[in-house]
């Protein structure tokens, strides 16, 4: 059978990468939702069904987190948490695993390749899933969550990089954004699967939480089975000197007949090889410590890119998605919706979330990363502030629960839709684009570090904030959305519709401000275009880098 080429290969890679994202993140949300649910002794029944999943009474007993009581045939068994600190510890330790995993993934992905790295990460996820599904006590579960977190962090560090490196520069964002449609589809599957399990044995069975956790093994095995048939990143192949394979894969990706001499494939190959030759002069900067502190990075300013990646992921959590997920059930409950109806609303909100990611696929490359972050922050900020305001009115005027509760629920749905179309995807795309090829997987790992810090931080902080200041927590996160706009405007240059090889020009400016970087980028591009037009070549017969980059790199070597 002839190998896949062109669009068929492109879409197949997208589907396989989406499968990895499907299995790596949503099931973390599923287990987190089991572990972080709260009950009447806190904010009210159903509060905190993160991801739409109810707490499993059998799980609560097994882990010695509390007890359960029978509430009748309509609601079944309901658990009450009496050990919230222990519960929070089980949740937070997962992010320790993702932190270790993403750092491991950055090293593995750059050293042994994207495909082998993903295969190794999948093995960790498989082991973690099996251990979680069979956990008999809290120590067992904690160890299993760390193992699962390592695999997830490793996948999250490598898969987006692989996707970015095989995509074209005009569709790179949409390529990765479409994978997040599958990501949120996984959330929907996890939610409704657990919802259905809640009807078995009045929700008081082991299968309610063990089966959905074990179910993730199926897509993991599917992903592992697909990997041997997927092409390695041509950029990684060029980096390690396997140029013939890199050229052949570029031919398959950029032409319908797999011709390595196709004009697009040849032009992209020459750009890749030129950048590889330049970046290899700076092997000393390849460690995490050197990247973080900017040692030996010359005009490439790796440390700046590291900080941008980390903070964009941290801010992604602080724009309110964790808060709205936790507080939405309280709104539904206080609006007078019963237990089952609240569950249905949470499930419908997940479906809205999934559908909204399709808008990101359409707009992320057409409008750009910066515009998406701008309008997303505005829409999210308004939604959070109004959701908080109507929640306050709902408490002050319970006789108007239908009107105020309905309005608050509407803004919960609106926030979720806007987030899914903007801030969900862009902070994951940005780190895959901005780093040099030599350290791209390690660079994306720093983004996952930011994601782990943001998630772990808010996992512990959100319950405290809601218990102390209630719905005003939403106002704080709403304000953070508006504060993120000048940050993006001043510090985050546009990466859409620019090749990965052009990013070194984009960050070559000594100034961190976007307007200076853009001006410097235009200058270097013009100089490089002039050199290429004159046919100036370097010692290897490749187009020379822009004079300013070359001069600074020589100075660094001295």
Protein backbone atom coordinates (compact mmCIF):
# COMPACT_ATOMS: atom_id res chain seq x y z
CA UNK A 1 0.00 0.00 0.00
CA UNK A 2 1.36 3.39 -0.99
CA UNK A 3 2.21 5.70 1.92
CA UNK A 4 -0.17 8.52 2.70
CA UNK A 5 0.78 11.91 1.25
CA UNK A 6 -0.49 15.47 1.17
CA UNK A 7 -3.79 16.25 2.77
CA UNK A 8 -4.58 12.64 3.68
CA UNK A 9 -1.35 12.34 5.64
CA UNK A 10 -1.91 15.78 7.14
CA UNK A 11 -5.40 14.90 8.42
CA UNK A 12 -4.25 11.50 9.68
CA UNK A 13 -1.48 13.11 11.77
CA UNK A 14 -4.01 15.62 13.09
CA UNK A 15 -6.37 12.81 14.16
CA UNK A 16 -3.62 10.82 15.88
CA UNK A 17 -2.29 13.90 17.68
CA UNK A 18 -5.86 14.70 18.69
CA UNK A 19 -6.19 11.21 20.13
CA UNK A 20 -3.16 11.89 22.34
CA UNK A 21 -4.66 15.18 23.54
CA UNK A 22 -8.00 13.38 24.01
CA UNK A 23 -6.47 10.85 26.38
CA UNK A 24 -3.95 13.07 28.14
CA UNK A 25 -6.03 15.94 29.51
CA UNK A 26 -9.75 15.11 29.79
CA UNK A 27 -9.21 12.09 32.01
CA UNK A 28 -7.20 14.25 34.35
CA UNK A 29 -10.26 16.49 34.48
CA UNK A 30 -12.42 13.47 35.15
CA UNK A 31 -10.43 12.25 38.12
CA UNK A 32 -9.99 15.79 39.43
CA UNK A 33 -13.76 16.21 39.29
CA UNK A 34 -14.18 13.10 41.43
CA UNK A 35 -11.65 14.33 43.92
CA UNK A 36 -12.66 17.98 44.25
CA UNK A 37 -16.44 17.78 44.49
CA UNK A 38 -18.00 19.55 47.48
CA UNK A 39 -21.25 18.94 49.25
CA UNK A 40 -23.97 20.55 51.39
CA UNK A 41 -21.63 21.22 54.28
CA UNK A 42 -19.71 23.61 52.04
CA UNK A 43 -21.54 25.60 49.39
CA UNK A 44 -24.51 23.37 48.62
CA UNK A 45 -25.36 20.09 47.00
CA UNK A 46 -23.74 19.48 43.60
CA UNK A 47 -21.25 22.30 44.17
CA UNK A 48 -18.00 21.77 42.37
CA UNK A 49 -18.93 18.91 40.00
CA UNK A 50 -15.87 19.85 37.98
CA UNK A 51 -16.23 18.50 34.48
CA UNK A 52 -19.79 17.40 35.31
CA UNK A 53 -18.77 14.41 37.44
CA UNK A 54 -20.41 13.62 40.77
CA UNK A 55 -18.42 12.30 43.67
CA UNK A 56 -18.34 8.52 43.95
CA UNK A 57 -19.35 7.33 47.47
CA UNK A 58 -17.38 4.11 47.14
CA UNK A 59 -14.26 6.10 46.23
CA UNK A 60 -14.75 8.38 49.25
CA UNK A 61 -14.96 5.35 51.56
CA UNK A 62 -12.00 3.58 49.94
CA UNK A 63 -9.77 6.62 50.32
CA UNK A 64 -11.18 7.42 53.78
CA UNK A 65 -12.22 10.92 52.74
CA UNK A 66 -15.68 10.88 54.32
CA UNK A 67 -18.95 8.97 54.34
CA UNK A 68 -22.12 8.66 52.28
CA UNK A 69 -25.85 8.63 52.95
CA UNK A 70 -28.81 7.42 50.95
CA UNK A 71 -31.00 10.29 49.65
CA UNK A 72 -33.74 8.26 48.01
CA UNK A 73 -34.18 6.72 44.56
CA UNK A 74 -34.06 10.07 42.74
CA UNK A 75 -30.58 11.01 44.01
CA UNK A 76 -29.13 7.72 45.25
CA UNK A 77 -26.12 7.77 47.57
CA UNK A 78 -24.49 11.12 48.25
CA UNK A 79 -21.01 11.42 49.76
CA UNK A 80 -19.89 13.96 52.33
CA UNK A 81 -16.22 14.93 52.54
CA UNK A 82 -14.80 15.13 56.07
CA UNK A 83 -11.10 15.15 55.09
CA UNK A 84 -10.80 18.05 52.60
CA UNK A 85 -7.05 18.47 53.18
CA UNK A 86 -6.38 14.85 52.31
CA UNK A 87 -8.68 15.21 49.32
CA UNK A 88 -6.86 18.31 48.11
CA UNK A 89 -3.51 16.59 48.52
CA UNK A 90 -4.55 13.76 46.21
CA UNK A 91 -5.59 16.33 43.62
CA UNK A 92 -2.49 18.49 43.85
CA UNK A 93 0.03 15.67 43.70
CA UNK A 94 -1.02 15.03 40.11
CA UNK A 95 0.51 18.35 39.10
CA UNK A 96 3.79 17.32 40.68
CA UNK A 97 3.72 14.43 38.23
CA UNK A 98 2.94 16.67 35.24
CA UNK A 99 5.78 18.97 36.27
CA UNK A 100 8.23 16.07 36.29
CA UNK A 101 6.74 14.67 33.11
CA UNK A 102 6.96 17.82 31.03
CA UNK A 103 10.62 18.32 31.96
CA UNK A 104 11.31 14.70 31.10
CA UNK A 105 9.34 15.06 27.86
CA UNK A 106 11.36 18.09 26.80
CA UNK A 107 14.61 16.17 27.17
CA UNK A 108 13.32 12.94 25.64
CA UNK A 109 11.54 14.65 22.76
CA UNK A 110 14.66 16.56 21.73
CA UNK A 111 17.06 13.65 22.29
CA UNK A 112 15.35 10.50 20.93
CA UNK A 113 12.69 12.07 18.72
CA UNK A 114 9.06 13.04 18.87
CA UNK A 115 7.62 9.60 18.04
CA UNK A 116 9.73 7.61 20.47
CA UNK A 117 9.10 10.22 23.14
CA UNK A 118 5.33 9.93 22.67
CA UNK A 119 5.56 6.15 22.81
CA UNK A 120 7.45 6.32 26.11
CA UNK A 121 4.95 8.81 27.55
CA UNK A 122 2.04 6.61 26.53
CA UNK A 123 3.54 3.76 28.52
CA UNK A 124 3.56 5.94 31.64
CA UNK A 125 -0.08 6.95 31.05
CA UNK A 126 -1.04 3.30 30.55
CA UNK A 127 0.64 2.27 33.80
CA UNK A 128 -0.86 5.20 35.70
CA UNK A 129 -4.35 4.47 34.42
CA UNK A 130 -4.16 0.81 35.42
CA UNK A 131 -2.87 1.68 38.89
CA UNK A 132 -5.54 4.35 39.46
CA UNK A 133 -8.35 2.06 38.37
CA UNK A 134 -7.16 -0.61 40.81
CA UNK A 135 -6.25 1.68 43.73
CA UNK A 136 -7.11 0.31 47.18
CA UNK A 137 -5.94 3.13 49.43
CA UNK A 138 -4.77 6.72 49.41
CA UNK A 139 -1.04 5.93 49.13
CA UNK A 140 -1.71 3.72 46.11
CA UNK A 141 -3.82 6.43 44.47
CA UNK A 142 -1.22 9.14 45.10
CA UNK A 143 1.54 7.07 43.51
CA UNK A 144 -0.71 6.23 40.56
CA UNK A 145 -1.58 9.90 40.05
CA UNK A 146 2.08 10.90 40.02
CA UNK A 147 2.81 8.21 37.42
CA UNK A 148 -0.17 9.26 35.32
CA UNK A 149 0.85 12.90 35.67
CA UNK A 150 4.35 12.11 34.43
CA UNK A 151 2.92 10.51 31.29
CA UNK A 152 0.45 13.34 30.70
CA UNK A 153 3.09 16.03 31.19
CA UNK A 154 5.42 14.22 28.82
CA UNK A 155 2.72 13.95 26.15
CA UNK A 156 1.73 17.59 26.57
CA UNK A 157 5.35 18.63 26.07
CA UNK A 158 5.89 16.60 22.88
CA UNK A 159 2.58 16.22 21.01
CA UNK A 160 1.95 19.94 20.32
CA UNK A 161 5.56 20.34 19.16
CA UNK A 162 5.21 17.41 16.77
CA UNK A 163 1.99 18.89 15.43
CA UNK A 164 3.54 22.34 14.94
CA UNK A 165 6.58 20.94 13.16
CA UNK A 166 4.62 19.00 10.54
CA UNK A 167 2.02 21.72 9.95
CA UNK A 168 2.33 24.56 7.44
CA UNK A 169 2.92 28.03 8.85
CA UNK A 170 -0.48 29.24 7.59
CA UNK A 171 -2.47 26.49 9.31
CA UNK A 172 -0.30 25.64 12.33
CA UNK A 173 -2.70 27.19 14.84
CA UNK A 174 -5.78 25.57 13.33
CA UNK A 175 -3.97 22.24 13.22
CA UNK A 176 -3.35 22.29 16.97
CA UNK A 177 -6.68 23.97 17.81
CA UNK A 178 -8.60 21.18 16.09
CA UNK A 179 -6.91 18.72 18.43
CA UNK A 180 -8.47 20.58 21.34
CA UNK A 181 -11.91 19.89 19.89
CA UNK A 182 -11.10 16.24 20.51
CA UNK A 183 -9.66 17.25 23.87
CA UNK A 184 -12.96 18.70 25.05
CA UNK A 185 -14.85 15.86 23.37
CA UNK A 186 -12.92 13.68 25.80
CA UNK A 187 -14.24 15.82 28.65
CA UNK A 188 -17.78 15.29 27.34
CA UNK A 189 -17.28 11.54 27.04
CA UNK A 190 -15.81 11.33 30.54
CA UNK A 191 -18.67 13.36 32.01
CA UNK A 192 -21.55 11.45 30.45
CA UNK A 193 -19.85 8.12 31.05
CA UNK A 194 -19.61 8.83 34.76
CA UNK A 195 -23.11 10.32 34.75
CA UNK A 196 -24.44 7.03 33.40
CA UNK A 197 -22.43 5.05 35.95
CA UNK A 198 -24.22 7.04 38.68
CA UNK A 199 -27.47 5.17 37.94
CA UNK A 200 -25.95 1.74 38.64
CA UNK A 201 -26.65 0.54 42.17
CA UNK A 202 -27.86 3.99 43.24
CA UNK A 203 -24.36 5.30 42.52
CA UNK A 204 -22.85 3.28 45.35
CA UNK A 205 -20.66 0.91 43.35
CA UNK A 206 -16.98 0.59 42.52
CA UNK A 207 -17.73 0.60 38.82
CA UNK A 208 -18.88 4.23 39.10
CA UNK A 209 -15.30 5.46 39.40
CA UNK A 210 -13.09 2.50 38.47
CA UNK A 211 -14.57 1.85 35.02
CA UNK A 212 -14.34 5.43 33.67
CA UNK A 213 -10.71 5.68 34.81
CA UNK A 214 -9.88 2.32 33.23
CA UNK A 215 -11.70 3.30 30.03
CA UNK A 216 -8.88 5.67 29.10
CA UNK A 217 -6.71 2.63 28.43
CA UNK A 218 -8.61 2.09 25.17
CA UNK A 219 -7.58 5.38 23.46
CA UNK A 220 -4.05 4.98 24.85
CA UNK A 221 -3.74 1.62 23.14
CA UNK A 222 -5.20 3.09 19.95
CA UNK A 223 -2.67 5.91 20.03
CA UNK A 224 0.23 3.51 20.59
CA UNK A 225 -0.96 1.35 17.68
CA UNK A 226 -1.02 4.37 15.33
CA UNK A 227 2.41 5.80 16.18
CA UNK A 228 4.55 3.33 14.15
CA UNK A 229 2.73 4.45 11.00
CA UNK A 230 3.24 8.19 11.64
CA UNK A 231 6.11 10.23 10.16
CA UNK A 232 8.78 11.66 12.43
CA UNK A 233 9.11 15.44 12.57
CA UNK A 234 11.22 16.49 9.54
CA UNK A 235 12.72 19.29 11.62
CA UNK A 236 13.93 16.88 14.29
CA UNK A 237 15.35 14.59 11.59
CA UNK A 238 17.27 17.51 10.08
CA UNK A 239 18.53 18.48 13.53
CA UNK A 240 20.10 15.03 14.07
CA UNK A 241 21.55 14.88 10.55
CA UNK A 242 19.02 12.53 8.94
CA UNK A 243 18.51 14.93 6.05
CA UNK A 244 17.44 12.38 3.44
CA UNK A 245 14.54 11.23 5.65
CA UNK A 246 13.65 14.82 6.49
CA UNK A 247 13.45 15.74 2.83
CA UNK A 248 11.38 12.66 1.99
CA UNK A 249 8.85 13.39 4.77
CA UNK A 250 8.58 17.04 3.74
CA UNK A 251 7.81 15.81 0.24
CA UNK A 252 4.99 13.65 1.60
CA UNK A 253 3.64 16.50 3.72
CA UNK A 254 3.82 19.30 1.15
CA UNK A 255 2.81 17.52 -2.06
CA UNK A 256 -0.02 15.19 -2.98
CA UNK A 257 2.27 12.75 -4.79
CA UNK A 258 5.03 12.64 -2.14
CA UNK A 259 7.60 14.33 -4.39
CA UNK A 260 10.59 15.51 -2.31
CA UNK A 261 11.53 17.87 -5.16
CA UNK A 262 8.27 19.80 -4.91
CA UNK A 263 8.95 23.53 -4.72
CA UNK A 264 7.30 23.99 -1.31
CA UNK A 265 9.16 21.03 0.18
CA UNK A 266 12.54 22.15 -1.17
CA UNK A 267 12.12 25.74 0.03
CA UNK A 268 11.08 24.64 3.51
CA UNK A 269 13.89 22.09 3.69
CA UNK A 270 16.51 24.71 2.81
CA UNK A 271 15.17 27.06 5.50
CA UNK A 272 15.25 24.28 8.09
CA UNK A 273 18.81 23.20 7.28
CA UNK A 274 20.05 26.80 7.36
CA UNK A 275 18.55 27.38 10.79
CA UNK A 276 19.85 24.03 12.09
CA UNK A 277 23.38 24.99 11.04
CA UNK A 278 23.11 28.32 12.83
CA UNK A 279 21.57 26.92 16.03
CA UNK A 280 24.09 24.11 16.42
CA UNK A 281 26.72 26.74 17.15
CA UNK A 282 25.07 27.26 20.55
CA UNK A 283 24.86 23.79 22.08
CA UNK A 284 25.77 25.22 25.50
CA UNK A 285 22.36 26.87 25.82
CA UNK A 286 20.43 23.60 25.55
CA UNK A 287 20.04 22.78 29.25
CA UNK A 288 16.96 23.89 31.17
CA UNK A 289 19.08 26.07 33.47
CA UNK A 290 20.80 27.79 30.54
CA UNK A 291 17.46 28.37 28.84
CA UNK A 292 15.83 29.80 31.96
CA UNK A 293 18.68 32.19 32.75
CA UNK A 294 19.58 32.99 29.16
CA UNK A 295 23.15 31.68 29.23
CA UNK A 296 24.95 31.65 25.88
CA UNK A 297 21.78 32.49 23.94
CA UNK A 298 23.17 35.62 22.26
CA UNK A 299 20.60 37.41 20.17
CA UNK A 300 18.15 34.50 20.32
CA UNK A 301 16.87 35.56 23.77
CA UNK A 302 15.76 32.09 24.86
CA UNK A 303 15.12 33.24 28.44
CA UNK A 304 12.58 35.79 27.20
CA UNK A 305 10.72 33.10 25.29
CA UNK A 306 10.77 30.87 28.39
CA UNK A 307 9.17 33.57 30.54
CA UNK A 308 6.52 34.34 27.92
CA UNK A 309 5.58 30.65 27.69
CA UNK A 310 5.40 30.09 31.45
CA UNK A 311 3.38 33.20 32.24
CA UNK A 312 0.92 32.79 29.38
CA UNK A 313 0.00 29.36 30.73
CA UNK A 314 -0.25 30.64 34.32
CA UNK A 315 -2.48 33.52 33.22
CA UNK A 316 -4.62 31.02 31.28
CA UNK A 317 -5.64 29.53 34.61
CA UNK A 318 -6.07 32.95 36.24
CA UNK A 319 -8.55 34.20 33.63
CA UNK A 320 -11.13 32.14 35.49
CA UNK A 321 -11.73 28.74 33.92
CA UNK A 322 -10.96 26.87 37.15
CA UNK A 323 -13.19 29.24 39.14
CA UNK A 324 -16.16 29.01 36.78
CA UNK A 325 -15.89 25.21 36.72
CA UNK A 326 -15.96 25.06 40.50
CA UNK A 327 -18.67 27.67 41.08
CA UNK A 328 -21.09 26.89 38.23
CA UNK A 329 -22.89 24.08 40.12
CA UNK A 330 -23.50 26.45 43.03
CA UNK A 331 -25.22 28.83 40.64
CA UNK A 332 -27.34 26.03 39.22
CA UNK A 333 -28.23 24.78 42.70
CA UNK A 334 -29.17 28.19 44.11
CA UNK A 335 -31.23 28.94 41.01
CA UNK A 336 -33.56 26.16 42.12
CA UNK A 337 -32.46 23.48 39.70
CA UNK A 338 -32.63 19.99 41.15
CA UNK A 339 -29.74 17.57 41.34
CA UNK A 340 -30.38 15.80 38.06
CA UNK A 341 -31.16 19.02 36.19
CA UNK A 342 -27.94 20.57 37.47
CA UNK A 343 -26.06 17.57 36.14
CA UNK A 344 -27.73 17.97 32.76
CA UNK A 345 -26.82 21.66 32.67
CA UNK A 346 -23.19 20.84 33.51
CA UNK A 347 -23.16 18.28 30.72
CA UNK A 348 -24.67 20.75 28.24
CA UNK A 349 -22.06 23.30 29.27
CA UNK A 350 -19.35 20.79 28.37
CA UNK A 351 -20.94 20.30 24.94
CA UNK A 352 -21.01 24.09 24.45
CA UNK A 353 -17.35 24.11 25.43
CA UNK A 354 -16.52 21.50 22.81
CA UNK A 355 -18.41 23.24 20.00
CA UNK A 356 -16.79 26.59 20.80
CA UNK A 357 -13.35 25.14 20.06
CA UNK A 358 -14.41 24.87 16.41
CA UNK A 359 -14.42 28.67 16.28
CA UNK A 360 -10.78 28.63 17.34
CA UNK A 361 -10.00 26.35 14.39
CA UNK A 362 -11.46 28.95 12.03
CA UNK A 363 -10.09 32.13 13.63
CA UNK A 364 -6.75 31.32 15.27
CA UNK A 365 -4.71 31.68 12.04
CA UNK A 366 -7.01 34.11 10.27
CA UNK A 367 -7.22 36.67 13.09
CA UNK A 368 -3.96 35.82 14.83
CA UNK A 369 -2.98 34.91 18.37
CA UNK A 370 -3.05 38.44 19.78
CA UNK A 371 -6.54 39.30 18.54
CA UNK A 372 -7.87 36.03 19.95
CA UNK A 373 -6.37 36.77 23.37
CA UNK A 374 -7.78 40.33 23.27
CA UNK A 375 -11.39 39.55 22.48
CA UNK A 376 -11.29 36.43 24.63
CA UNK A 377 -10.17 38.44 27.66
CA UNK A 378 -12.90 41.05 27.08
CA UNK A 379 -15.66 38.45 26.66
CA UNK A 380 -14.48 36.39 29.61
CA UNK A 381 -14.05 39.41 31.88
CA UNK A 382 -17.55 40.69 31.18
CA UNK A 383 -19.05 37.21 31.62
CA UNK A 384 -17.33 36.64 34.97
CA UNK A 385 -18.28 40.03 36.39
CA UNK A 386 -21.92 39.64 35.36
CA UNK A 387 -22.06 36.02 36.54
CA UNK A 388 -20.79 37.20 39.93
CA UNK A 389 -23.25 40.09 40.02
CA UNK A 390 -26.26 37.92 39.25
CA UNK A 391 -25.05 35.35 41.79
CA UNK A 392 -25.08 38.08 44.43
CA UNK A 393 -28.59 39.13 43.39
CA UNK A 394 -29.61 35.48 43.50
CA UNK A 395 -28.52 35.25 47.15
CA UNK A 396 -30.11 38.57 48.11
CA UNK A 397 -33.40 37.90 46.33
CA UNK A 398 -34.11 34.15 46.45
CA UNK A 399 -37.73 34.83 45.46
CA UNK A 400 -36.41 35.79 42.00
CA UNK A 401 -34.21 32.73 41.64
CA UNK A 402 -35.61 31.85 38.21
CA UNK A 403 -34.72 35.24 36.68
CA UNK A 404 -31.36 35.87 38.36
CA UNK A 405 -30.36 32.21 38.31
CA UNK A 406 -31.13 31.95 34.62
CA UNK A 407 -29.05 35.07 33.89
CA UNK A 408 -26.12 33.79 35.95
CA UNK A 409 -26.29 30.41 34.19
CA UNK A 410 -26.33 32.17 30.80
CA UNK A 411 -23.08 34.00 31.58
CA UNK A 412 -21.51 30.74 32.76
CA UNK A 413 -22.30 29.25 29.35
CA UNK A 414 -21.06 32.41 27.59
CA UNK A 415 -17.79 32.40 29.50
CA UNK A 416 -17.19 28.75 28.66
CA UNK A 417 -17.86 29.36 24.96
CA UNK A 418 -15.51 32.36 24.76
CA UNK A 419 -12.75 30.55 26.64
CA UNK A 420 -13.04 27.51 24.38
CA UNK A 421 -12.70 29.74 21.30
CA UNK A 422 -9.68 31.68 22.55
CA UNK A 423 -7.70 31.17 25.76
CA UNK A 424 -8.06 27.38 25.81
CA UNK A 425 -5.96 26.86 22.68
CA UNK A 426 -3.70 29.87 22.14
CA UNK A 427 -1.51 29.44 25.27
CA UNK A 428 -0.85 25.86 24.14
CA UNK A 429 -0.03 26.89 20.55
CA UNK A 430 2.30 29.77 21.41
CA UNK A 431 5.15 27.80 23.10
CA UNK A 432 5.26 25.32 20.21
CA UNK A 433 6.06 28.13 17.79
CA UNK A 434 8.48 30.44 19.53
CA UNK A 435 11.51 28.30 20.40
CA UNK A 436 14.47 27.35 18.18
CA UNK A 437 14.47 23.82 16.78
CA UNK A 438 17.40 22.74 18.98
CA UNK A 439 15.34 23.25 22.15
CA UNK A 440 11.75 23.27 20.93
CA UNK A 441 10.50 20.34 23.01
CA UNK A 442 12.29 21.68 26.09
CA UNK A 443 10.83 25.11 25.40
CA UNK A 444 7.31 23.75 25.17
CA UNK A 445 7.99 21.90 28.42
CA UNK A 446 8.34 25.28 30.13
CA UNK A 447 4.81 26.07 28.96
CA UNK A 448 3.59 22.87 30.61
CA UNK A 449 5.47 23.93 33.75
CA UNK A 450 3.40 27.12 33.76
CA UNK A 451 0.22 25.08 33.22
CA UNK A 452 1.13 22.79 36.13
CA UNK A 453 1.90 25.74 38.42
CA UNK A 454 -1.32 27.53 37.50
CA UNK A 455 -3.48 24.44 37.94
CA UNK A 456 -1.86 23.28 41.16
CA UNK A 457 -1.97 26.75 42.68
CA UNK A 458 -5.65 27.31 41.95
CA UNK A 459 -6.62 23.79 43.00
CA UNK A 460 -5.61 24.76 46.52
CA UNK A 461 -6.58 28.45 46.38
CA UNK A 462 -10.04 28.34 44.78
CA UNK A 463 -11.84 26.64 47.71
CA UNK A 464 -10.32 29.15 50.13
CA UNK A 465 -11.34 32.13 47.99
CA UNK A 466 -14.91 30.93 47.51
CA UNK A 467 -15.29 30.12 51.21
CA UNK A 468 -14.06 33.59 52.24
CA UNK A 469 -15.45 35.96 49.60
CA UNK A 470 -17.96 33.83 47.68
CA UNK A 471 -19.05 35.16 44.29
CA UNK A 472 -16.62 38.10 44.58
CA UNK A 473 -13.98 35.58 43.52
CA UNK A 474 -15.49 35.80 40.03
CA UNK A 475 -15.02 39.57 40.07
CA UNK A 476 -11.31 39.14 40.86
CA UNK A 477 -10.81 36.76 37.97
CA UNK A 478 -12.86 39.05 35.75
CA UNK A 479 -10.50 41.92 36.55
CA UNK A 480 -7.48 39.72 35.77
CA UNK A 481 -8.87 39.22 32.26
CA UNK A 482 -8.76 42.95 31.60
CA UNK A 483 -5.28 43.25 33.14
CA UNK A 484 -4.03 40.56 30.74
CA UNK A 485 -4.78 42.76 27.70
CA UNK A 486 -1.92 45.29 28.18
CA UNK A 487 0.40 42.39 29.04
CA UNK A 488 -0.34 40.69 25.72
CA UNK A 489 -0.18 44.00 23.83
CA UNK A 490 3.25 44.91 25.18
CA UNK A 491 5.06 41.57 25.47
CA UNK A 492 3.61 38.94 23.12
CA UNK A 493 4.48 39.40 19.43
CA UNK A 494 2.28 37.86 16.75
CA UNK A 495 3.38 34.39 15.60
CA UNK A 496 0.52 33.50 13.24
CA UNK A 497 1.40 32.98 9.56
CA UNK A 498 5.12 33.10 10.26
CA UNK A 499 7.35 30.10 9.72
CA UNK A 500 9.05 28.43 12.67
CA UNK A 501 12.39 29.41 11.15
CA UNK A 502 11.42 33.11 11.24
CA UNK A 503 10.97 33.13 15.02
CA UNK A 504 14.69 33.73 15.58
CA UNK A 505 14.34 36.99 13.65
CA UNK A 506 11.21 37.89 15.63
CA UNK A 507 12.95 37.60 19.00
CA UNK A 508 16.33 38.98 17.90
CA UNK A 509 15.65 42.47 19.27
CA UNK A 510 17.33 43.36 22.56
CA UNK A 511 14.10 45.09 23.58
CA UNK A 512 11.26 42.93 24.99
CA UNK A 513 8.54 45.30 23.75
CA UNK A 514 6.43 44.08 20.85
CA UNK A 515 6.73 47.28 18.79
CA UNK A 516 10.54 47.11 18.92
CA UNK A 517 10.55 43.41 18.08
CA UNK A 518 8.29 43.93 15.08
CA UNK A 519 10.41 46.78 13.74
CA UNK A 520 13.59 44.73 14.22
CA UNK A 521 11.95 41.73 12.56
CA UNK A 522 11.09 43.75 9.45
CA UNK A 523 14.64 45.04 9.26
CA UNK A 524 16.23 41.58 9.53
CA UNK A 525 13.78 40.09 7.04
CA UNK A 526 14.60 42.79 4.51
CA UNK A 527 18.34 42.28 4.96
CA UNK A 528 18.03 38.53 4.66
CA UNK A 529 15.86 38.81 1.55
CA UNK A 530 18.45 41.08 -0.04
CA UNK A 531 21.25 38.63 0.72
CA UNK A 532 19.28 35.73 -0.70
CA UNK A 533 18.45 37.77 -3.79
CA UNK A 534 22.14 38.42 -4.36
CA UNK A 535 22.81 34.70 -3.94
CA UNK A 536 25.16 35.12 -0.98
CA UNK A 537 25.96 31.73 0.53
CA UNK A 538 27.74 30.59 3.65
CA UNK A 539 30.56 28.08 3.82
CA UNK A 540 28.14 25.17 3.56
CA UNK A 541 26.45 26.55 0.47
CA UNK A 542 23.38 27.66 2.46
CA UNK A 543 21.77 31.11 2.56
CA UNK A 544 23.50 33.20 5.22
CA UNK A 545 21.57 34.38 8.25
CA UNK A 546 20.92 38.07 8.64
CA UNK A 547 24.19 39.96 9.30
CA UNK A 548 23.14 41.15 12.74
CA UNK A 549 22.32 37.64 13.95
CA UNK A 550 25.52 36.28 12.48
CA UNK A 551 27.63 39.05 14.01
CA UNK A 552 26.15 38.52 17.48
CA UNK A 553 26.58 34.77 17.26
CA UNK A 554 30.25 35.17 16.37
CA UNK A 555 30.67 37.51 19.32
CA UNK A 556 29.10 34.93 21.63
CA UNK A 557 31.50 32.25 20.43
CA UNK A 558 34.42 34.49 21.21
